[in-house]
Amino acid sequence: MERHPFVATRQESLLLIIDVQQAMLKVMNGWQPITARIRQLTAAAGQLEVPILLTEQYAKGLGGTIAEVLEGRRCGPQCSTLSGKIPNKSFP
């Protein structure tokens, strides 16, 4: 049986976690279930060997990525700024 062409592959996939930073917790209601779900996603991505990209917007003012997300995870490269587009030539 042939794979459907719309089924994602590891080589064509990326888990992108955008701006889950310290200052965001102050304005988010119920952030614990969100961080728990992110941890599930990062664990699955690790098992499947899918790259993980974390972004942080203005880390100096908003703080870094929250510890609950980073805990025990080996994450890929981080972008220090994000302004509408990931600064990476491999993305159009």
PDB file of N, CA and C in Angstrom:
ATOM      1  N   MET A   1       0.842  -1.181   0.000  1.00  0.00           N
ATOM      2  CA  MET A   1       0.000   0.000   0.000  1.00  0.00           C
ATOM      3  C   MET A   1       0.888   1.245   0.000  1.00  0.00           C
ATOM      4  N   GLU A   2       0.562   2.163  -0.850  1.00  0.00           N
ATOM      5  CA  GLU A   2       1.350   3.382  -0.998  1.00  0.00           C
ATOM      6  C   GLU A   2       0.923   4.443   0.014  1.00  0.00           C
ATOM      7  N   ARG A   3       1.904   5.208   0.498  1.00  0.00           N
ATOM      8  CA  ARG A   3       1.614   6.318   1.425  1.00  0.00           C
ATOM      9  C   ARG A   3       0.870   7.426   0.708  1.00  0.00           C
ATOM     10  N   HIS A   4      -0.082   8.004   1.401  1.00  0.00           N
ATOM     11  CA  HIS A   4      -0.793   9.162   0.847  1.00  0.00           C
ATOM     12  C   HIS A   4       0.193  10.323   0.751  1.00  0.00           C
ATOM     13  N   PRO A   5       0.160  11.106  -0.321  1.00  0.00           N
ATOM     14  CA  PRO A   5       1.147  12.180  -0.491  1.00  0.00           C
ATOM     15  C   PRO A   5       1.055  13.294   0.553  1.00  0.00           C
ATOM     16  N   PHE A   6      -0.056  13.383   1.286  1.00  0.00           N
ATOM     17  CA  PHE A   6      -0.199  14.448   2.278  1.00  0.00           C
ATOM     18  C   PHE A   6       0.237  14.021   3.682  1.00  0.00           C
ATOM     19  N   VAL A   7       0.691  12.790   3.846  1.00  0.00           N
ATOM     20  CA  VAL A   7       1.181  12.335   5.145  1.00  0.00           C
ATOM     21  C   VAL A   7       2.583  12.910   5.352  1.00  0.00           C
ATOM     22  N   ALA A   8       2.752  13.603   6.471  1.00  0.00           N
ATOM     23  CA  ALA A   8       4.044  14.250   6.759  1.00  0.00           C
ATOM     24  C   ALA A   8       5.126  13.212   7.021  1.00  0.00           C
ATOM     25  N   THR A   9       6.333  13.576   6.654  1.00  0.00           N
ATOM     26  CA  THR A   9       7.490  12.734   6.956  1.00  0.00           C
ATOM     27  C   THR A   9       8.395  13.484   7.925  1.00  0.00           C
ATOM     28  N   ARG A  10       9.256  12.749   8.587  1.00  0.00           N
ATOM     29  CA  ARG A  10      10.202  13.351   9.532  1.00  0.00           C
ATOM     30  C   ARG A  10      11.100  14.367   8.835  1.00  0.00           C
ATOM     31  N   GLN A  11      11.512  14.045   7.625  1.00  0.00           N
ATOM     32  CA  GLN A  11      12.417  14.920   6.881  1.00  0.00           C
ATOM     33  C   GLN A  11      11.746  16.228   6.456  1.00  0.00           C
ATOM     34  N   GLU A  12      10.432  16.234   6.381  1.00  0.00           N
ATOM     35  CA  GLU A  12       9.701  17.429   5.949  1.00  0.00           C
ATOM     36  C   GLU A  12       8.966  18.110   7.100  1.00  0.00           C
ATOM     37  N   SER A  13       9.264  17.714   8.328  1.00  0.00           N
ATOM     38  CA  SER A  13       8.518  18.212   9.480  1.00  0.00           C
ATOM     39  C   SER A  13       9.398  19.019  10.424  1.00  0.00           C
ATOM     40  N   LEU A  14       8.731  19.837  11.232  1.00  0.00           N
ATOM     41  CA  LEU A  14       9.393  20.679  12.216  1.00  0.00           C
ATOM     42  C   LEU A  14       8.371  21.030  13.280  1.00  0.00           C
ATOM     43  N   LEU A  15       8.753  20.939  14.544  1.00  0.00           N
ATOM     44  CA  LEU A  15       7.900  21.423  15.626  1.00  0.00           C
ATOM     45  C   LEU A  15       8.366  22.834  15.947  1.00  0.00           C
ATOM     46  N   LEU A  16       7.493  23.798  15.740  1.00  0.00           N
ATOM     47  CA  LEU A  16       7.815  25.203  15.968  1.00  0.00           C
ATOM     48  C   LEU A  16       7.083  25.675  17.215  1.00  0.00           C
ATOM     49  N   ILE A  17       7.842  26.106  18.210  1.00  0.00           N
ATOM     50  CA  ILE A  17       7.282  26.614  19.465  1.00  0.00           C
ATOM     51  C   ILE A  17       7.594  28.101  19.512  1.00  0.00           C
ATOM     52  N   ILE A  18       6.549  28.909  19.491  1.00  0.00           N
ATOM     53  CA  ILE A  18       6.719  30.352  19.333  1.00  0.00           C
ATOM     54  C   ILE A  18       6.450  31.099  20.641  1.00  0.00           C
ATOM     55  N   ASP A  19       7.454  31.812  21.126  1.00  0.00           N
ATOM     56  CA  ASP A  19       7.319  32.804  22.196  1.00  0.00           C
ATOM     57  C   ASP A  19       6.597  32.313  23.459  1.00  0.00           C
ATOM     58  N   VAL A  20       6.989  31.175  23.989  1.00  0.00           N
ATOM     59  CA  VAL A  20       6.433  30.705  25.262  1.00  0.00           C
ATOM     60  C   VAL A  20       7.387  31.205  26.343  1.00  0.00           C
ATOM     61  N   GLN A  21       7.213  32.485  26.710  1.00  0.00           N
ATOM     62  CA  GLN A  21       8.179  33.191  27.546  1.00  0.00           C
ATOM     63  C   GLN A  21       7.594  33.613  28.884  1.00  0.00           C
ATOM     64  N   GLN A  22       8.504  33.941  29.823  1.00  0.00           N
ATOM     65  CA  GLN A  22       8.145  34.280  31.200  1.00  0.00           C
ATOM     66  C   GLN A  22       7.042  35.334  31.308  1.00  0.00           C
ATOM     67  N   ALA A  23       7.172  36.435  30.602  1.00  0.00           N
ATOM     68  CA  ALA A  23       6.197  37.521  30.730  1.00  0.00           C
ATOM     69  C   ALA A  23       4.815  37.114  30.235  1.00  0.00           C
ATOM     70  N   MET A  24       4.763  36.131  29.354  1.00  0.00           N
ATOM     71  CA  MET A  24       3.475  35.683  28.818  1.00  0.00           C
ATOM     72  C   MET A  24       2.618  35.027  29.908  1.00  0.00           C
ATOM     73  N   LEU A  25       3.273  34.404  30.892  1.00  0.00           N
ATOM     74  CA  LEU A  25       2.533  33.712  31.949  1.00  0.00           C
ATOM     75  C   LEU A  25       1.650  34.664  32.741  1.00  0.00           C
ATOM     76  N   LYS A  26       2.089  35.901  32.867  1.00  0.00           N
ATOM     77  CA  LYS A  26       1.338  36.886  33.649  1.00  0.00           C
ATOM     78  C   LYS A  26      -0.008  37.219  33.018  1.00  0.00           C
ATOM     79  N   VAL A  27      -0.112  37.071  31.711  1.00  0.00           N
ATOM     80  CA  VAL A  27      -1.344  37.464  31.016  1.00  0.00           C
ATOM     81  C   VAL A  27      -2.137  36.273  30.480  1.00  0.00           C
ATOM     82  N   MET A  28      -1.642  35.063  30.708  1.00  0.00           N
ATOM     83  CA  MET A  28      -2.335  33.867  30.220  1.00  0.00           C
ATOM     84  C   MET A  28      -3.076  33.183  31.358  1.00  0.00           C
ATOM     85  N   ASN A  29      -4.352  32.924  31.157  1.00  0.00           N
ATOM     86  CA  ASN A  29      -5.104  32.116  32.110  1.00  0.00           C
ATOM     87  C   ASN A  29      -4.918  30.652  31.743  1.00  0.00           C
ATOM     88  N   GLY A  30      -4.674  29.817  32.721  1.00  0.00           N
ATOM     89  CA  GLY A  30      -4.564  28.384  32.488  1.00  0.00           C
ATOM     90  C   GLY A  30      -3.375  27.987  31.646  1.00  0.00           C
ATOM     91  N   TRP A  31      -2.208  28.522  31.944  1.00  0.00           N
ATOM     92  CA  TRP A  31      -1.024  28.212  31.142  1.00  0.00           C
ATOM     93  C   TRP A  31      -0.461  26.832  31.436  1.00  0.00           C
ATOM     94  N   GLN A  32      -0.769  26.256  32.603  1.00  0.00           N
ATOM     95  CA  GLN A  32      -0.214  24.941  32.943  1.00  0.00           C
ATOM     96  C   GLN A  32      -0.613  23.856  31.942  1.00  0.00           C
ATOM     97  N   PRO A  33      -1.888  23.755  31.534  1.00  0.00           N
ATOM     98  CA  PRO A  33      -2.237  22.737  30.536  1.00  0.00           C
ATOM     99  C   PRO A  33      -1.553  22.982  29.184  1.00  0.00           C
ATOM    100  N   ILE A  34      -1.320  24.229  28.873  1.00  0.00           N
ATOM    101  CA  ILE A  34      -0.646  24.555  27.609  1.00  0.00           C
ATOM    102  C   ILE A  34       0.800  24.074  27.653  1.00  0.00           C
ATOM    103  N   THR A  35       1.494  24.362  28.757  1.00  0.00           N
ATOM    104  CA  THR A  35       2.888  23.921  28.850  1.00  0.00           C
ATOM    105  C   THR A  35       2.973  22.396  28.922  1.00  0.00           C
ATOM    106  N   ALA A  36       1.992  21.759  29.561  1.00  0.00           N
ATOM    107  CA  ALA A  36       1.972  20.291  29.603  1.00  0.00           C
ATOM    108  C   ALA A  36       1.826  19.723  28.195  1.00  0.00           C
ATOM    109  N   ARG A  37       0.984  20.326  27.389  1.00  0.00           N
ATOM    110  CA  ARG A  37       0.795  19.864  26.010  1.00  0.00           C
ATOM    111  C   ARG A  37       2.057  20.107  25.178  1.00  0.00           C
ATOM    112  N   ILE A  38       2.706  21.237  25.400  1.00  0.00           N
ATOM    113  CA  ILE A  38       3.961  21.513  24.682  1.00  0.00           C
ATOM    114  C   ILE A  38       5.011  20.466  25.050  1.00  0.00           C
ATOM    115  N   ARG A  39       5.073  20.098  26.326  1.00  0.00           N
ATOM    116  CA  ARG A  39       6.024  19.068  26.759  1.00  0.00           C
ATOM    117  C   ARG A  39       5.712  17.727  26.094  1.00  0.00           C
ATOM    118  N   GLN A  40       4.429  17.403  25.943  1.00  0.00           N
ATOM    119  CA  GLN A  40       4.046  16.172  25.237  1.00  0.00           C
ATOM    120  C   GLN A  40       4.516  16.225  23.784  1.00  0.00           C
ATOM    121  N   LEU A  41       4.304  17.374  23.159  1.00  0.00           N
ATOM    122  CA  LEU A  41       4.710  17.528  21.761  1.00  0.00           C
ATOM    123  C   LEU A  41       6.222  17.429  21.597  1.00  0.00           C
ATOM    124  N   THR A  42       6.976  18.053  22.515  1.00  0.00           N
ATOM    125  CA  THR A  42       8.434  17.986  22.399  1.00  0.00           C
ATOM    126  C   THR A  42       8.942  16.570  22.658  1.00  0.00           C
ATOM    127  N   ALA A  43       8.294  15.851  23.576  1.00  0.00           N
ATOM    128  CA  ALA A  43       8.688  14.461  23.830  1.00  0.00           C
ATOM    129  C   ALA A  43       8.434  13.605  22.589  1.00  0.00           C
ATOM    130  N   ALA A  44       7.273  13.793  21.968  1.00  0.00           N
ATOM    131  CA  ALA A  44       6.950  13.037  20.749  1.00  0.00           C
ATOM    132  C   ALA A  44       7.912  13.389  19.621  1.00  0.00           C
ATOM    133  N   ALA A  45       8.204  14.679  19.479  1.00  0.00           N
ATOM    134  CA  ALA A  45       9.142  15.106  18.431  1.00  0.00           C
ATOM    135  C   ALA A  45      10.514  14.483  18.661  1.00  0.00           C
ATOM    136  N   GLY A  46      10.932  14.406  19.917  1.00  0.00           N
ATOM    137  CA  GLY A  46      12.211  13.780  20.238  1.00  0.00           C
ATOM    138  C   GLY A  46      12.229  12.304  19.869  1.00  0.00           C
ATOM    139  N   GLN A  47      11.149  11.596  20.199  1.00  0.00           N
ATOM    140  CA  GLN A  47      11.051  10.173  19.869  1.00  0.00           C
ATOM    141  C   GLN A  47      11.050   9.942  18.359  1.00  0.00           C
ATOM    142  N   LEU A  48      10.404  10.850  17.632  1.00  0.00           N
ATOM    143  CA  LEU A  48      10.300  10.718  16.172  1.00  0.00           C
ATOM    144  C   LEU A  48      11.471  11.370  15.435  1.00  0.00           C
ATOM    145  N   GLU A  49      12.379  11.978  16.199  1.00  0.00           N
ATOM    146  CA  GLU A  49      13.534  12.683  15.636  1.00  0.00           C
ATOM    147  C   GLU A  49      13.123  13.825  14.705  1.00  0.00           C
ATOM    148  N   VAL A  50      12.058  14.508  15.095  1.00  0.00           N
ATOM    149  CA  VAL A  50      11.599  15.692  14.371  1.00  0.00           C
ATOM    150  C   VAL A  50      12.297  16.894  15.000  1.00  0.00           C
ATOM    151  N   PRO A  51      12.911  17.757  14.201  1.00  0.00           N
ATOM    152  CA  PRO A  51      13.592  18.932  14.758  1.00  0.00           C
ATOM    153  C   PRO A  51      12.620  19.847  15.509  1.00  0.00           C
ATOM    154  N   ILE A  52      13.141  20.496  16.545  1.00  0.00           N
ATOM    155  CA  ILE A  52      12.359  21.442  17.341  1.00  0.00           C
ATOM    156  C   ILE A  52      13.018  22.806  17.218  1.00  0.00           C
ATOM    157  N   LEU A  53      12.221  23.803  16.901  1.00  0.00           N
ATOM    158  CA  LEU A  53      12.716  25.173  16.816  1.00  0.00           C
ATOM    159  C   LEU A  53      11.938  26.022  17.801  1.00  0.00           C
ATOM    160  N   LEU A  54      12.658  26.696  18.694  1.00  0.00           N
ATOM    161  CA  LEU A  54      12.048  27.619  19.654  1.00  0.00           C
ATOM    162  C   LEU A  54      12.338  29.040  19.214  1.00  0.00           C
ATOM    163  N   THR A  55      11.341  29.899  19.329  1.00  0.00           N
ATOM    164  CA  THR A  55      11.596  31.311  19.069  1.00  0.00           C
ATOM    165  C   THR A  55      11.352  32.095  20.354  1.00  0.00           C
ATOM    166  N   GLU A  56      12.073  33.166  20.492  1.00  0.00           N
ATOM    167  CA  GLU A  56      11.884  34.097  21.606  1.00  0.00           C
ATOM    168  C   GLU A  56      11.871  35.493  21.025  1.00  0.00           C
ATOM    169  N   GLN A  57      10.878  36.244  21.397  1.00  0.00           N
ATOM    170  CA  GLN A  57      10.773  37.619  20.944  1.00  0.00           C
ATOM    171  C   GLN A  57      11.196  38.541  22.086  1.00  0.00           C
ATOM    172  N   TYR A  58      12.189  39.356  21.862  1.00  0.00           N
ATOM    173  CA  TYR A  58      12.675  40.324  22.847  1.00  0.00           C
ATOM    174  C   TYR A  58      12.873  39.671  24.216  1.00  0.00           C
ATOM    175  N   ALA A  59      13.754  38.677  24.256  1.00  0.00           N
ATOM    176  CA  ALA A  59      14.009  37.919  25.487  1.00  0.00           C
ATOM    177  C   ALA A  59      14.455  38.809  26.639  1.00  0.00           C
ATOM    178  N   LYS A  60      15.154  39.898  26.334  1.00  0.00           N
ATOM    179  CA  LYS A  60      15.621  40.810  27.386  1.00  0.00           C
ATOM    180  C   LYS A  60      14.438  41.391  28.163  1.00  0.00           C
ATOM    181  N   GLY A  61      13.368  41.720  27.482  1.00  0.00           N
ATOM    182  CA  GLY A  61      12.205  42.314  28.137  1.00  0.00           C
ATOM    183  C   GLY A  61      11.139  41.310  28.550  1.00  0.00           C
ATOM    184  N   LEU A  62      10.966  40.247  27.763  1.00  0.00           N
ATOM    185  CA  LEU A  62       9.903  39.279  28.025  1.00  0.00           C
ATOM    186  C   LEU A  62      10.388  38.032  28.758  1.00  0.00           C
ATOM    187  N   GLY A  63      11.695  37.926  28.939  1.00  0.00           N
ATOM    188  CA  GLY A  63      12.254  36.739  29.576  1.00  0.00           C
ATOM    189  C   GLY A  63      12.422  35.618  28.568  1.00  0.00           C
ATOM    190  N   GLY A  64      13.168  34.609  28.980  1.00  0.00           N
ATOM    191  CA  GLY A  64      13.420  33.480  28.086  1.00  0.00           C
ATOM    192  C   GLY A  64      12.251  32.514  28.052  1.00  0.00           C
ATOM    193  N   THR A  65      12.427  31.455  27.298  1.00  0.00           N
ATOM    194  CA  THR A  65      11.435  30.387  27.236  1.00  0.00           C
ATOM    195  C   THR A  65      11.276  29.800  28.631  1.00  0.00           C
ATOM    196  N   ILE A  66      10.038  29.545  29.042  1.00  0.00           N
ATOM    197  CA  ILE A  66       9.796  29.075  30.407  1.00  0.00           C
ATOM    198  C   ILE A  66      10.432  27.708  30.641  1.00  0.00           C
ATOM    199  N   ALA A  67      10.895  27.511  31.865  1.00  0.00           N
ATOM    200  CA  ALA A  67      11.646  26.306  32.237  1.00  0.00           C
ATOM    201  C   ALA A  67      10.844  25.033  32.007  1.00  0.00           C
ATOM    202  N   GLU A  68       9.528  25.077  32.225  1.00  0.00           N
ATOM    203  CA  GLU A  68       8.694  23.886  32.056  1.00  0.00           C
ATOM    204  C   GLU A  68       8.761  23.339  30.638  1.00  0.00           C
ATOM    205  N   VAL A  69       8.950  24.218  29.678  1.00  0.00           N
ATOM    206  CA  VAL A  69       9.039  23.794  28.277  1.00  0.00           C
ATOM    207  C   VAL A  69      10.419  23.224  27.973  1.00  0.00           C
ATOM    208  N   LEU A  70      11.457  23.828  28.535  1.00  0.00           N
ATOM    209  CA  LEU A  70      12.828  23.410  28.243  1.00  0.00           C
ATOM    210  C   LEU A  70      13.286  22.205  29.053  1.00  0.00           C
ATOM    211  N   GLU A  71      12.650  21.961  30.183  1.00  0.00           N
ATOM    212  CA  GLU A  71      13.081  20.947  31.136  1.00  0.00           C
ATOM    213  C   GLU A  71      13.317  19.582  30.483  1.00  0.00           C
ATOM    214  N   GLY A  72      14.556  19.117  30.566  1.00  0.00           N
ATOM    215  CA  GLY A  72      14.896  17.793  30.073  1.00  0.00           C
ATOM    216  C   GLY A  72      14.844  17.630  28.568  1.00  0.00           C
ATOM    217  N   ARG A  73      14.762  18.702  27.841  1.00  0.00           N
ATOM    218  CA  ARG A  73      14.646  18.619  26.385  1.00  0.00           C
ATOM    219  C   ARG A  73      15.902  19.124  25.721  1.00  0.00           C
ATOM    220  N   ARG A  74      16.259  18.481  24.654  1.00  0.00           N
ATOM    221  CA  ARG A  74      17.330  18.974  23.796  1.00  0.00           C
ATOM    222  C   ARG A  74      16.645  19.639  22.618  1.00  0.00           C
ATOM    223  N   CYS A  75      16.662  20.927  22.592  1.00  0.00           N
ATOM    224  CA  CYS A  75      15.969  21.659  21.544  1.00  0.00           C
ATOM    225  C   CYS A  75      16.961  22.186  20.526  1.00  0.00           C
ATOM    226  N   GLY A  76      16.457  22.427  19.348  1.00  0.00           N
ATOM    227  CA  GLY A  76      17.281  22.899  18.245  1.00  0.00           C
ATOM    228  C   GLY A  76      17.653  24.357  18.387  1.00  0.00           C
ATOM    229  N   PRO A  77      18.089  24.951  17.311  1.00  0.00           N
ATOM    230  CA  PRO A  77      18.552  26.337  17.360  1.00  0.00           C
ATOM    231  C   PRO A  77      17.431  27.293  17.752  1.00  0.00           C
ATOM    232  N   GLN A  78      17.800  28.330  18.435  1.00  0.00           N
ATOM    233  CA  GLN A  78      16.818  29.335  18.834  1.00  0.00           C
ATOM    234  C   GLN A  78      17.022  30.603  18.026  1.00  0.00           C
ATOM    235  N   CYS A  79      15.922  31.241  17.694  1.00  0.00           N
ATOM    236  CA  CYS A  79      15.991  32.559  17.061  1.00  0.00           C
ATOM    237  C   CYS A  79      15.852  33.575  18.184  1.00  0.00           C
ATOM    238  N   SER A  80      16.677  34.583  18.197  1.00  0.00           N
ATOM    239  CA  SER A  80      16.572  35.577  19.257  1.00  0.00           C
ATOM    240  C   SER A  80      15.529  36.634  18.928  1.00  0.00           C
ATOM    241  N   THR A  81      15.193  36.772  17.671  1.00  0.00           N
ATOM    242  CA  THR A  81      14.153  37.727  17.297  1.00  0.00           C
ATOM    243  C   THR A  81      13.236  37.095  16.268  1.00  0.00           C
ATOM    244  N   LEU A  82      12.025  37.552  16.261  1.00  0.00           N
ATOM    245  CA  LEU A  82      11.069  37.101  15.258  1.00  0.00           C
ATOM    246  C   LEU A  82      10.256  38.306  14.862  1.00  0.00           C
ATOM    247  N   SER A  83      10.329  38.662  13.612  1.00  0.00           N
ATOM    248  CA  SER A  83       9.541  39.808  13.215  1.00  0.00           C
ATOM    249  C   SER A  83       8.785  39.460  11.945  1.00  0.00           C
ATOM    250  N   GLY A  84       7.759  38.657  12.141  1.00  0.00           N
ATOM    251  CA  GLY A  84       6.894  38.275  11.041  1.00  0.00           C
ATOM    252  C   GLY A  84       7.415  37.132  10.200  1.00  0.00           C
ATOM    253  N   LYS A  85       8.690  36.849  10.287  1.00  0.00           N
ATOM    254  CA  LYS A  85       9.277  35.811   9.453  1.00  0.00           C
ATOM    255  C   LYS A  85      10.504  35.243  10.154  1.00  0.00           C
ATOM    256  N   ILE A  86      10.644  33.941  10.091  1.00  0.00           N
ATOM    257  CA  ILE A  86      11.809  33.304  10.691  1.00  0.00           C
ATOM    258  C   ILE A  86      13.030  33.641   9.851  1.00  0.00           C
ATOM    259  N   PRO A  87      14.083  34.189  10.463  1.00  0.00           N
ATOM    260  CA  PRO A  87      15.269  34.570   9.698  1.00  0.00           C
ATOM    261  C   PRO A  87      16.115  33.351   9.325  1.00  0.00           C
ATOM    262  N   ASN A  88      15.628  32.586   8.356  1.00  0.00           N
ATOM    263  CA  ASN A  88      16.312  31.365   7.950  1.00  0.00           C
ATOM    264  C   ASN A  88      16.102  31.183   6.455  1.00  0.00           C
ATOM    265  N   LYS A  89      17.163  31.035   5.710  1.00  0.00           N
ATOM    266  CA  LYS A  89      17.065  30.949   4.256  1.00  0.00           C
ATOM    267  C   LYS A  89      16.363  29.690   3.775  1.00  0.00           C
ATOM    268  N   SER A  90      16.235  28.675   4.633  1.00  0.00           N
ATOM    269  CA  SER A  90      15.571  27.452   4.198  1.00  0.00           C
ATOM    270  C   SER A  90      14.054  27.583   4.212  1.00  0.00           C
ATOM    271  N   PHE A  91      13.535  28.675   4.783  1.00  0.00           N
ATOM    272  CA  PHE A  91      12.106  28.948   4.752  1.00  0.00           C
ATOM    273  C   PHE A  91      11.852  30.076   3.762  1.00  0.00           C
ATOM    274  N   PRO A  92      10.872  29.894   2.863  1.00  0.00           N
ATOM    275  CA  PRO A  92      10.601  30.972   1.882  1.00  0.00           C
ATOM    276  C   PRO A  92       9.998  32.208   2.520  1.00  0.00           C
TER     277      PRO A  92
END
